[in-house]
Amino acid sequence: MAEDTGLERTEPASVRRREQAREEGQVARSRELSTLALLLAAGAGLWFMGAGLADRLSGLMRHGMQLERALAFDTDLMLLRLKDSSVDALLAFSPLLALLVLAGIASALLLNGWLFSFKPLAPDWERIDPLKGLARILSWHGVIEMLKAIAKTVLVGGVAAWVMWHNIGAVLSLAAEPLGAGMAHLVHLLGASFLVMAGSMALVAAIDVPFQIWEHERKLRMTREEVRQENKETEGDPQVKAHIRSQQREMARRRMMAEIPKADVVVTNPTHYAVALRYQDGSMRAPRMVAKGAHLLAARIRALAVEHQVPILQAPPLARALYRHAELGDEIPAALYTAVAEVLAYVYQLRRHRQDGGPMPQQPDLAPLPPGLDPGLDPGASAA
């Protein structure tokens, strides 16, 4: 089996690919659906508006056949009569023409929704290239279109021939009818014929519309390389993104390390975790975590605390709980208030000892933490 080189269009079109194709006017189109809509509109229009249209046309014919003596000697009057007759004929057909225009617009909206683009109007020299035109004709798509046109011609032409043969007697009898009645009868016959042919076109459209949608989706398919390239363009190169994230982490780590000299105490595990806390009476409701780290980062926090003479207290359960349940810049959880208060009391005593002398305060024997806060006691967790 040949190895997939990523050049075959096997991937479905992305949202961006669909939007770009739509902006360029590349959407699924079905001429058969438009033809069906026009036939239905023409048939319905002639069927329901036929009587009024026949009366207007009969009046135009009677008026046009009347030749006044002045018209025979004045060509200007003849041109004026022709203009008036043309305007009247256009007004007579205007409701039917408006219905056909609405049907054409509705058929396009039904398949693609509203779309307005000037790009399809731009000159494309490939369309007039004889070689490429011949290639399109001889392609499998051209063969399918030819077979579809032949089938449509046979089907619709056969239905039209059957309609004419079925109504041949009514058509011949039109000559014996009065002008008004004959015009109305003719318009109704045309409307009925259009509706019958629309029924045959409905079968063609029912086959063509799904085919055009499938063909449009096939043309929009992408190769794996195109999908990867688009992901790079929309989301960014993964290597660049990883480098940016690395720099962001490094900047956040530097800001965190800059807060350690301002901390009141560093609580350790003693080697695996280190958490730095700070509390300012009056401006903070509760102590905040200004730094935390594990393993090598914990060692750097401890070293920086020693360098700036920040008190270090070994309290493994509290260090693990603070590391797990508090985030940088946030206040400590309320469940840890009591334990942290004991730690801060020890820190204040130690600070007073350094300033005024006296006996060295003893490290507090912290009470057990509330259940569920120490991750070292969780089943499956490794207590460092």
Protein backbone atom coordinates (compact mmCIF):
# COMPACT_ATOMS: atom_id res chain seq x y z
CA MET A 1 0.00 0.00 0.00
CA ALA A 2 1.35 3.41 -0.90
CA GLU A 3 2.34 5.53 2.03
CA ASP A 4 0.04 8.47 2.73
CA THR A 5 2.07 11.55 1.88
CA GLY A 6 -0.52 13.96 3.29
CA LEU A 7 -1.30 15.35 -0.19
CA GLU A 8 -4.61 13.54 -0.61
CA ARG A 9 -7.70 15.56 0.25
CA THR A 10 -9.07 13.30 2.95
CA GLU A 11 -9.88 15.82 5.69
CA PRO A 12 -13.23 17.62 5.93
CA ALA A 13 -13.18 21.37 5.37
CA SER A 14 -12.54 23.52 8.40
CA VAL A 15 -14.75 26.41 9.46
CA ARG A 16 -12.17 28.89 8.17
CA ARG A 17 -11.98 27.11 4.80
CA ARG A 18 -15.77 27.26 4.47
CA GLU A 19 -15.84 30.96 5.36
CA GLN A 20 -13.13 31.77 2.82
CA ALA A 21 -14.93 29.81 0.10
CA ARG A 22 -18.18 31.61 0.91
CA GLU A 23 -16.45 35.00 0.75
CA GLU A 24 -15.21 34.08 -2.72
CA GLY A 25 -18.71 33.07 -3.82
CA GLN A 26 -17.93 29.34 -3.86
CA VAL A 27 -21.12 27.73 -2.61
CA ALA A 28 -23.24 24.77 -3.65
CA ARG A 29 -25.48 25.72 -6.56
CA SER A 30 -28.23 23.76 -8.25
CA ARG A 31 -29.53 25.05 -11.57
CA GLU A 32 -32.25 22.43 -11.44
CA LEU A 33 -33.58 23.87 -8.19
CA SER A 34 -33.71 27.34 -9.75
CA THR A 35 -35.43 25.95 -12.86
CA LEU A 36 -37.96 24.15 -10.67
CA ALA A 37 -38.70 27.32 -8.71
CA LEU A 38 -39.16 29.34 -11.92
CA LEU A 39 -41.48 26.73 -13.46
CA LEU A 40 -43.57 26.58 -10.29
CA ALA A 41 -43.74 30.36 -10.08
CA ALA A 42 -44.63 30.71 -13.76
CA GLY A 43 -47.27 28.01 -13.56
CA ALA A 44 -48.83 29.38 -10.38
CA GLY A 45 -48.68 32.94 -11.70
CA LEU A 46 -50.37 32.07 -14.98
CA TRP A 47 -52.94 29.92 -13.21
CA PHE A 48 -54.00 32.55 -10.66
CA MET A 49 -53.25 35.75 -12.61
CA GLY A 50 -54.15 34.40 -16.04
CA ALA A 51 -57.60 35.97 -16.29
CA GLY A 52 -56.38 39.48 -15.52
CA LEU A 53 -53.34 39.09 -17.75
CA ALA A 54 -55.54 37.85 -20.61
CA ASP A 55 -57.84 40.87 -20.26
CA ARG A 56 -54.89 43.28 -20.31
CA LEU A 57 -53.39 41.58 -23.38
CA SER A 58 -56.73 41.52 -25.18
CA GLY A 59 -57.13 45.25 -24.57
CA LEU A 60 -53.61 45.88 -25.84
CA MET A 61 -54.28 43.85 -29.00
CA ARG A 62 -57.56 45.64 -29.73
CA HIS A 63 -55.97 49.03 -29.11
CA GLY A 64 -52.93 48.15 -31.19
CA MET A 65 -55.01 46.96 -34.14
CA GLN A 66 -56.89 50.23 -34.35
CA LEU A 67 -55.14 52.44 -36.86
CA GLU A 68 -56.14 56.08 -36.88
CA ARG A 69 -55.76 58.17 -40.04
CA ALA A 70 -53.26 60.56 -38.40
CA LEU A 71 -50.91 57.65 -37.59
CA ALA A 72 -50.56 56.77 -41.27
CA PHE A 73 -49.11 60.21 -42.07
CA ASP A 74 -47.08 60.96 -38.90
CA THR A 75 -44.28 58.58 -37.92
CA ASP A 76 -43.76 60.41 -34.63
CA LEU A 77 -47.28 59.44 -33.56
CA MET A 78 -46.60 55.82 -34.54
CA LEU A 79 -43.47 55.74 -32.37
CA LEU A 80 -45.43 57.29 -29.49
CA ARG A 81 -48.14 54.59 -29.88
CA LEU A 82 -45.45 51.88 -29.88
CA LYS A 83 -43.91 53.30 -26.71
CA ASP A 84 -47.28 53.45 -24.93
CA SER A 85 -48.13 49.90 -25.99
CA SER A 86 -44.73 48.62 -24.83
CA VAL A 87 -45.13 50.29 -21.42
CA ASP A 88 -48.64 48.87 -21.05
CA ALA A 89 -47.40 45.37 -21.97
CA LEU A 90 -44.57 45.64 -19.45
CA LEU A 91 -46.99 46.74 -16.72
CA ALA A 92 -49.29 43.85 -17.61
CA PHE A 93 -46.49 41.33 -17.23
CA SER A 94 -44.83 43.06 -14.22
CA PRO A 95 -46.66 41.00 -11.51
CA LEU A 96 -45.61 37.76 -13.22
CA LEU A 97 -42.03 39.01 -13.71
CA ALA A 98 -41.83 40.10 -10.05
CA LEU A 99 -43.04 36.63 -9.00
CA LEU A 100 -40.34 35.00 -11.16
CA VAL A 101 -37.63 37.23 -9.68
CA LEU A 102 -38.76 36.39 -6.14
CA ALA A 103 -38.77 32.68 -7.01
CA GLY A 104 -35.22 32.89 -8.37
CA ILE A 105 -33.99 34.70 -5.24
CA ALA A 106 -35.84 32.31 -2.92
CA SER A 107 -34.32 29.24 -4.61
CA ALA A 108 -30.81 30.64 -4.05
CA LEU A 109 -31.54 31.55 -0.42
CA LEU A 110 -33.02 28.11 0.21
CA LEU A 111 -29.73 26.38 -0.59
CA ASN A 112 -27.07 28.87 0.51
CA GLY A 113 -28.69 31.65 2.49
CA TRP A 114 -27.88 35.28 1.79
CA LEU A 115 -24.59 35.73 -0.04
CA PHE A 116 -23.27 38.88 -1.71
CA SER A 117 -19.77 38.87 -3.21
CA PHE A 118 -18.05 40.70 -6.06
CA LYS A 119 -15.23 38.15 -6.38
CA PRO A 120 -17.07 35.89 -8.86
CA LEU A 121 -17.32 38.95 -11.16
CA ALA A 122 -13.54 39.40 -11.25
CA PRO A 123 -11.95 38.37 -14.59
CA ASP A 124 -10.58 34.82 -14.55
CA TRP A 125 -8.44 34.04 -17.60
CA GLU A 126 -8.44 30.32 -16.79
CA ARG A 127 -12.12 30.15 -17.71
CA ILE A 128 -11.38 31.15 -21.31
CA ASP A 129 -8.33 28.90 -21.65
CA PRO A 130 -9.29 26.38 -24.40
CA LEU A 131 -7.12 23.59 -23.00
CA LYS A 132 -8.48 23.90 -19.49
CA GLY A 133 -12.00 24.21 -20.86
CA LEU A 134 -11.51 20.97 -22.82
CA ALA A 135 -10.11 19.31 -19.68
CA ARG A 136 -13.22 20.35 -17.74
CA ILE A 137 -15.48 18.96 -20.46
CA LEU A 138 -13.64 15.62 -20.54
CA SER A 139 -13.41 15.32 -16.73
CA TRP A 140 -15.69 12.98 -14.81
CA HIS A 141 -17.63 15.99 -13.57
CA GLY A 142 -18.23 17.11 -17.15
CA VAL A 143 -19.38 13.61 -18.11
CA ILE A 144 -21.82 13.58 -15.19
CA GLU A 145 -23.16 17.00 -16.17
CA MET A 146 -23.62 15.83 -19.77
CA LEU A 147 -25.46 12.68 -18.67
CA LYS A 148 -27.58 14.74 -16.31
CA ALA A 149 -28.45 17.20 -19.11
CA ILE A 150 -29.41 14.34 -21.43
CA ALA A 151 -31.57 12.72 -18.76
CA LYS A 152 -33.20 16.05 -17.92
CA THR A 153 -33.91 16.77 -21.59
CA VAL A 154 -35.43 13.34 -22.14
CA LEU A 155 -37.55 13.53 -18.99
CA VAL A 156 -38.78 17.11 -19.27
CA GLY A 157 -39.07 16.92 -23.07
CA GLY A 158 -41.10 13.73 -22.80
CA VAL A 159 -43.42 15.27 -20.23
CA ALA A 160 -43.80 18.42 -22.37
CA ALA A 161 -44.61 16.28 -25.45
CA TRP A 162 -47.19 14.32 -23.45
CA VAL A 163 -48.80 17.56 -22.22
CA MET A 164 -48.99 18.94 -25.77
CA TRP A 165 -50.46 15.70 -27.13
CA HIS A 166 -52.93 15.48 -24.27
CA ASN A 167 -54.12 19.06 -24.83
CA ILE A 168 -53.92 19.16 -28.65
CA GLY A 169 -57.68 19.29 -28.94
CA ALA A 170 -57.94 22.22 -26.53
CA VAL A 171 -55.18 24.06 -28.37
CA LEU A 172 -56.88 23.62 -31.75
CA SER A 173 -60.21 24.79 -30.33
CA LEU A 174 -58.68 28.12 -29.30
CA ALA A 175 -59.11 29.40 -32.86
CA ALA A 176 -62.89 29.05 -32.58
CA GLU A 177 -63.18 30.88 -29.27
CA PRO A 178 -63.71 34.65 -28.85
CA LEU A 179 -60.55 36.64 -28.30
CA GLY A 180 -61.04 37.27 -24.58
CA ALA A 181 -62.10 33.74 -23.74
CA GLY A 182 -59.41 32.28 -25.99
CA MET A 183 -56.66 34.33 -24.33
CA ALA A 184 -57.82 33.30 -20.85
CA HIS A 185 -58.02 29.65 -21.92
CA LEU A 186 -54.52 29.83 -23.44
CA VAL A 187 -53.02 31.31 -20.30
CA HIS A 188 -54.59 28.58 -18.16
CA LEU A 189 -53.27 25.90 -20.51
CA LEU A 190 -49.75 27.37 -20.25
CA GLY A 191 -49.97 27.53 -16.45
CA ALA A 192 -51.11 23.92 -16.20
CA SER A 193 -48.34 22.82 -18.58
CA PHE A 194 -45.70 24.61 -16.50
CA LEU A 195 -46.98 22.98 -13.33
CA VAL A 196 -46.88 19.50 -14.88
CA MET A 197 -43.33 20.06 -16.18
CA ALA A 198 -42.38 21.39 -12.73
CA GLY A 199 -43.43 18.01 -11.33
CA SER A 200 -40.90 16.30 -13.58
CA MET A 201 -38.25 18.88 -12.65
CA ALA A 202 -38.91 18.16 -8.98
CA LEU A 203 -37.53 14.65 -9.53
CA VAL A 204 -34.43 16.05 -11.24
CA ALA A 205 -33.91 18.65 -8.47
CA ALA A 206 -34.32 15.99 -5.76
CA ILE A 207 -31.34 14.16 -7.28
CA ASP A 208 -29.27 17.22 -8.22
CA VAL A 209 -29.42 19.15 -4.93
CA PRO A 210 -27.82 16.40 -2.77
CA PHE A 211 -25.27 15.78 -5.52
CA GLN A 212 -24.28 19.46 -5.69
CA ILE A 213 -23.92 19.64 -1.91
CA TRP A 214 -21.74 16.50 -1.91
CA GLU A 215 -19.67 17.82 -4.82
CA HIS A 216 -19.17 21.16 -3.06
CA GLU A 217 -18.03 19.39 0.12
CA ARG A 218 -15.66 17.23 -1.92
CA LYS A 219 -14.04 20.29 -3.51
CA LEU A 220 -13.56 21.92 -0.10
CA ARG A 221 -11.78 18.90 1.40
CA MET A 222 -8.28 19.59 2.69
CA THR A 223 -5.02 17.70 2.86
CA ARG A 224 -3.44 16.96 6.22
CA GLU A 225 -0.68 19.42 5.44
CA GLU A 226 -3.27 22.16 4.78
CA VAL A 227 -4.95 21.37 8.10
CA ARG A 228 -1.62 21.60 9.94
CA GLN A 229 -0.73 24.84 8.19
CA GLU A 230 -4.09 26.37 9.00
CA ASN A 231 -3.75 25.37 12.65
CA LYS A 232 -0.38 27.11 12.71
CA GLU A 233 -1.86 30.26 11.20
CA THR A 234 -4.89 30.37 13.48
CA GLU A 235 -3.47 29.06 16.73
CA GLY A 236 0.23 29.74 16.22
CA ASP A 237 3.25 27.50 15.83
CA PRO A 238 3.33 24.96 18.71
CA GLN A 239 7.06 25.55 19.23
CA VAL A 240 6.55 29.31 19.39
CA LYS A 241 3.63 28.88 21.77
CA ALA A 242 5.69 26.58 24.00
CA HIS A 243 8.53 29.13 24.02
CA ILE A 244 6.08 31.90 24.96
CA ARG A 245 4.61 29.79 27.77
CA SER A 246 8.10 29.02 29.01
CA GLN A 247 8.96 32.73 29.09
CA GLN A 248 5.70 33.51 30.86
CA ARG A 249 6.44 30.87 33.51
CA GLU A 250 9.93 32.25 33.96
CA MET A 251 8.62 35.80 34.38
CA ALA A 252 6.01 34.61 36.89
CA ARG A 253 8.73 32.72 38.78
CA ARG A 254 10.89 35.84 38.92
CA ARG A 255 8.01 37.91 40.26
CA MET A 256 7.34 35.22 42.84
CA MET A 257 10.97 35.13 43.93
CA ALA A 258 10.95 38.92 44.30
CA GLU A 259 8.16 38.57 46.88
CA ILE A 260 10.07 36.16 49.13
CA PRO A 261 12.18 38.86 50.90
CA LYS A 262 8.89 40.57 51.86
CA ALA A 263 7.38 37.37 53.31
CA ASP A 264 6.82 36.87 57.04
CA VAL A 265 7.56 33.15 57.11
CA VAL A 266 8.41 30.18 54.88
CA VAL A 267 6.74 26.91 55.84
CA THR A 268 8.57 23.79 54.60
CA ASN A 269 8.07 20.04 54.37
CA PRO A 270 11.15 20.28 55.01
CA THR A 271 12.68 19.38 51.62
CA HIS A 272 9.91 18.69 49.13
CA TYR A 273 7.66 21.74 49.60
CA ALA A 274 8.15 25.36 50.56
CA VAL A 275 5.42 27.98 50.99
CA ALA A 276 5.98 31.68 51.73
CA LEU A 277 3.27 33.64 53.58
CA ARG A 278 2.79 37.34 54.22
CA TYR A 279 0.34 39.21 56.43
CA GLN A 280 -0.19 42.92 56.92
CA ASP A 281 -2.56 43.85 59.72
CA GLY A 282 -5.15 46.37 58.57
CA SER A 283 -4.69 45.87 54.81
CA MET A 284 -5.25 42.09 54.57
CA ARG A 285 -8.18 40.08 55.87
CA ALA A 286 -6.03 36.95 56.07
CA PRO A 287 -2.46 35.89 55.26
CA ARG A 288 -1.68 35.53 51.57
CA MET A 289 0.55 33.10 49.76
CA VAL A 290 3.31 34.98 47.95
CA ALA A 291 5.42 32.00 46.80
CA LYS A 292 5.30 28.25 46.65
CA GLY A 293 7.37 25.50 45.06
CA ALA A 294 8.28 21.84 45.12
CA HIS A 295 11.62 20.03 44.96
CA LEU A 296 14.25 22.26 43.25
CA LEU A 297 12.06 25.36 43.37
CA ALA A 298 11.41 24.70 47.06
CA ALA A 299 15.16 24.60 47.62
CA ARG A 300 15.57 27.97 45.86
CA ILE A 301 12.81 29.46 48.04
CA ARG A 302 14.51 28.23 51.20
CA ALA A 303 17.89 29.54 50.05
CA LEU A 304 16.43 32.94 49.26
CA ALA A 305 14.66 33.00 52.63
CA VAL A 306 17.94 32.26 54.43
CA GLU A 307 19.69 34.98 52.43
CA HIS A 308 17.12 37.62 53.45
CA GLN A 309 16.68 36.29 57.00
CA VAL A 310 13.06 35.25 56.52
CA PRO A 311 12.04 32.78 59.29
CA ILE A 312 11.70 29.15 58.12
CA LEU A 313 9.39 26.78 59.98
CA GLN A 314 9.25 23.04 59.38
CA ALA A 315 5.60 21.96 59.43
CA PRO A 316 5.13 19.16 56.87
CA PRO A 317 1.32 18.74 57.10
CA LEU A 318 0.71 22.50 56.93
CA ALA A 319 3.21 22.94 54.07
CA ARG A 320 1.52 20.19 52.05
CA ALA A 321 -1.96 21.57 52.75
CA LEU A 322 -0.97 25.14 51.80
CA TYR A 323 0.75 23.94 48.63
CA ARG A 324 -2.32 21.94 47.57
CA HIS A 325 -5.18 24.25 48.56
CA ALA A 326 -3.86 27.80 48.05
CA GLU A 327 -2.78 29.66 44.93
CA LEU A 328 -0.27 32.48 44.45
CA GLY A 329 -1.66 35.82 45.54
CA ASP A 330 -4.73 34.26 47.19
CA GLU A 331 -5.69 34.23 50.82
CA ILE A 332 -5.16 30.97 52.66
CA PRO A 333 -8.23 28.74 53.14
CA ALA A 334 -10.33 29.51 56.21
CA ALA A 335 -9.82 25.97 57.48
CA LEU A 336 -6.09 26.72 57.92
CA TYR A 337 -6.54 30.01 59.82
CA THR A 338 -5.84 28.44 63.23
CA ALA A 339 -2.64 26.66 62.18
CA VAL A 340 -1.30 29.72 60.33
CA ALA A 341 -2.18 31.96 63.27
CA GLU A 342 0.02 29.77 65.52
CA VAL A 343 2.81 30.04 62.96
CA LEU A 344 2.55 33.85 62.78
CA ALA A 345 2.48 34.08 66.58
CA TYR A 346 5.76 32.17 66.64
CA VAL A 347 7.19 34.46 63.93
CA TYR A 348 6.29 37.61 65.92
CA GLN A 349 7.88 36.14 69.04
CA LEU A 350 11.00 35.30 67.04
CA ARG A 351 11.10 38.82 65.60
CA ARG A 352 10.81 40.31 69.11
CA HIS A 353 13.61 38.02 70.30
CA ARG A 354 15.88 39.25 67.52
CA GLN A 355 15.14 42.88 68.34
CA ASP A 356 15.04 42.85 72.16
CA GLY A 357 16.83 39.64 73.10
CA GLY A 358 15.51 37.31 75.75
CA PRO A 359 14.77 33.60 75.65
CA MET A 360 14.52 31.89 72.27
CA PRO A 361 10.89 31.00 71.51
CA GLN A 362 10.08 27.37 70.97
CA GLN A 363 8.67 26.22 67.65
CA PRO A 364 4.92 25.65 68.01
CA ASP A 365 3.50 22.16 68.17
CA LEU A 366 0.71 22.66 65.65
CA ALA A 367 -2.63 20.99 66.20
CA PRO A 368 -3.74 18.39 63.64
CA LEU A 369 -5.28 19.85 60.52
CA PRO A 370 -8.96 19.32 59.67
CA PRO A 371 -9.61 16.03 57.84
CA GLY A 372 -9.07 16.07 54.08
CA LEU A 373 -6.66 19.04 53.98
CA ASP A 374 -3.35 17.16 54.23
CA PRO A 375 -2.71 15.46 50.85
CA GLY A 376 -0.07 13.30 52.53
CA LEU A 377 -2.85 11.45 54.30
CA ASP A 378 -4.92 10.87 51.12
CA PRO A 379 -5.02 7.25 49.86
CA GLY A 380 -2.58 6.79 47.02
CA ALA A 381 -0.75 10.11 47.74
CA SER A 382 2.94 10.06 48.58
CA ALA A 383 3.68 12.00 51.72
CA ALA A 384 7.05 13.60 51.34
